[in-house]
Structures are given as C-alpha cells and as structure tokens.
Amino acid sequence: MLSPPRLLNTAVLFLVFNRPGTTAQVFEAIRRAKPPRLYVAADGARAGRANESQIVGKVREIATNVDWPCEVSTLFRDKNLGCKYSISSAISWFFSHEAEGIIIEDDCLPSQSFFWFCEDMLERYRHDQGVMAVTGTNITRNIAFEADYFYSRYALMWGWASWASAWQQYDLQLENWPEVNQIKHLKGLGVVKLKEALVWKSMLTQTKDGVIDTWDYQWIYSCWICGGLSIAPARNLIRNNGFSSDATHTTNFHPILSTLVLSDLHWPLRDPLECKPHAEADAFISKYWFGASWKSLIKLFLLRLPGLAKL
C-alpha cells in the first residue's frame, strides 16, 4: 500500500451522473487522498427516465460528502446535456478556475498512487509544450518498462490530468477535420500504420457527423494536431468498474479492459531515458483499446453489407 510522499496539493474534478455504487467507491478513493479543492460536475436527469432525478440527487450527495479540509465547488445541470457536452463543458469549467488538475469519472477507480503520480507529472512537465496530458491507465501486458512512466500518443481518459493551457487547444467540434480527413494527413500526425489510420478516419468522421456522441476522441485528436504527447504510468493505476449493460460506452465485457488490476508506484520515480512515444506500448493500446486491427476492420466492413448487420 502506498505511503503518500506528502499532502496532496492538486485540485480534483469529479465527473458524476447516475451511478451511486461506483460513485461511492471512487469518492472513497478521493476522500483518502484528501485533495484541497474538489470540483463536482453532474449532468441533469434525462426526461422520461423513471426515478432518475432521485438517483441523480443521491449521487450528488455522495460526491459532495466531504469530511476533510477542502473547498468544494459544484456544477449541477438542471437539464441533461449528454456525454459530449456535459463532460467537455465541465472540464472547461474546471480549467477556468485551475491552471492544472486531476480529472476522474464516477466509474474509474484509482489507486492512491494515481493522485501523486498526476501531481508529480503536472509539476514536472508544467512548462513542456510537448506534453499535453497525464493518464493513470496502463492496459499493456508483458511489456518491460525501463522507467516508472512512458510517453504515449494516446491521451487515455480513465483518470487523467492536464493543464488549462493544453485544454485551450481542445477542438470539440473537430473544426479542421474535413481538411485533415485523409490517410496521408493522419500519417503525418503520427498514425503511421494503415489499419490504425483507417480506424481513426472512421471514428473521427462519425464523431464529426454526430453519429458517435463523445468528447474524448476530440481530445486525443487535439493532442495529435498540437504534437502533444501523454505521460502514462508503467503500472496500471485505474480500474474501470463501469462495465455493465446500463453504461454509456463500456457495455460489453472486454478481456483486457474489463479485468485491469490496480497497482501502486514507489517514489522517487524513475524517468525514461528518451522523450519519445513507446512504440510497443502504443501498438498494444491501438489494437486492444481502439480496435485497430485488420480483423476489426473486416468485421466493420461486413456489418455494413445488407442483411449481415442483423446476424
């Protein structure tokens, strides 16, 4: 178990909605870390959903039940904005008050190391424009890392941190995607392999067109456009407890993403020798997080054929 190297000094944004069970688990982890400032943002209940307003109210009570010295700020929506707008606007609200901070959703359970890892990386790379985010998630298996963290092209969002200056580059509407929407341009952003470029071309186009209701693909894309890397721990510090039928995105069991184990780091942290993306780790993330494989692409193609989508 982690022995915190010091008191936590970094603010935390807690994004919640309608899941009391997971919210309570994550809040307990936040309570143990005792951040000095806690921001809680919650979308409004959806119209026509029986009892959801009561559940949303209960979640808000859980997420603000602070019993340590802490300044609490809330952004509670009266109406439901949906994932894309509620989360992105909450992060913008957070960074309008904080120059840097930690962001965690109600189903992403962190180890205690996560908070101090984020704080250390936020301080260490505060003035480095080549780094735009810190993530707590490491899904890789059987990869030996030379240090306690590595550089990645993927700003994963299951518990992460960033700076207000980096978030200013966020492009929610993917304004320039129509001009960049070519395989050669994607390769210029670092999406080197053809199968990966095809997957991202599809995902970003669907996000731009409103077929995919999300905010996070835009963040990864914004980091790419700016040439910004992400910092990731050599051991996994986040477990997503939200895999269930009532989840927004994580509805199905995943042999890797659903079974992550929480770990801790030990201080002082060892730094990587080179500031460049870890090719082996990024290839693993690309395949198993974002489905960038020929098998997945063939499946997507077949499902577009008449009749096969119903099989």
Foldseek 3Di string as FASTA:
>chain_A
DDDDPDQFAFEEEEEEEQDQPLLLQQLVLCQVNDYQEYEYEYFADAPPDPCRNVRRVNSVCSNPVHDHNHHYHYHYHNHGPAALPRVLVSVLVVQVPFQKHKYAYSQKHFDNQLRVVQVVVCVVCVPPLQAFKEAQFALDPPDDDPWFKFKALARDDNIMMGGSVSSVLQDSLPVCCVVQLDLVSVVVLVLPDPLLSVLLSVVVVCSNVVVDRHRRNSSSVSCSVSNHIYMYGPAHGIAGRPADCPDPPNPDDAPGNNDHDHDHDDPPTTDDPDRDHDVVSRVVCSCRVRNSDPVSVVVVVQCPDPPPVVD
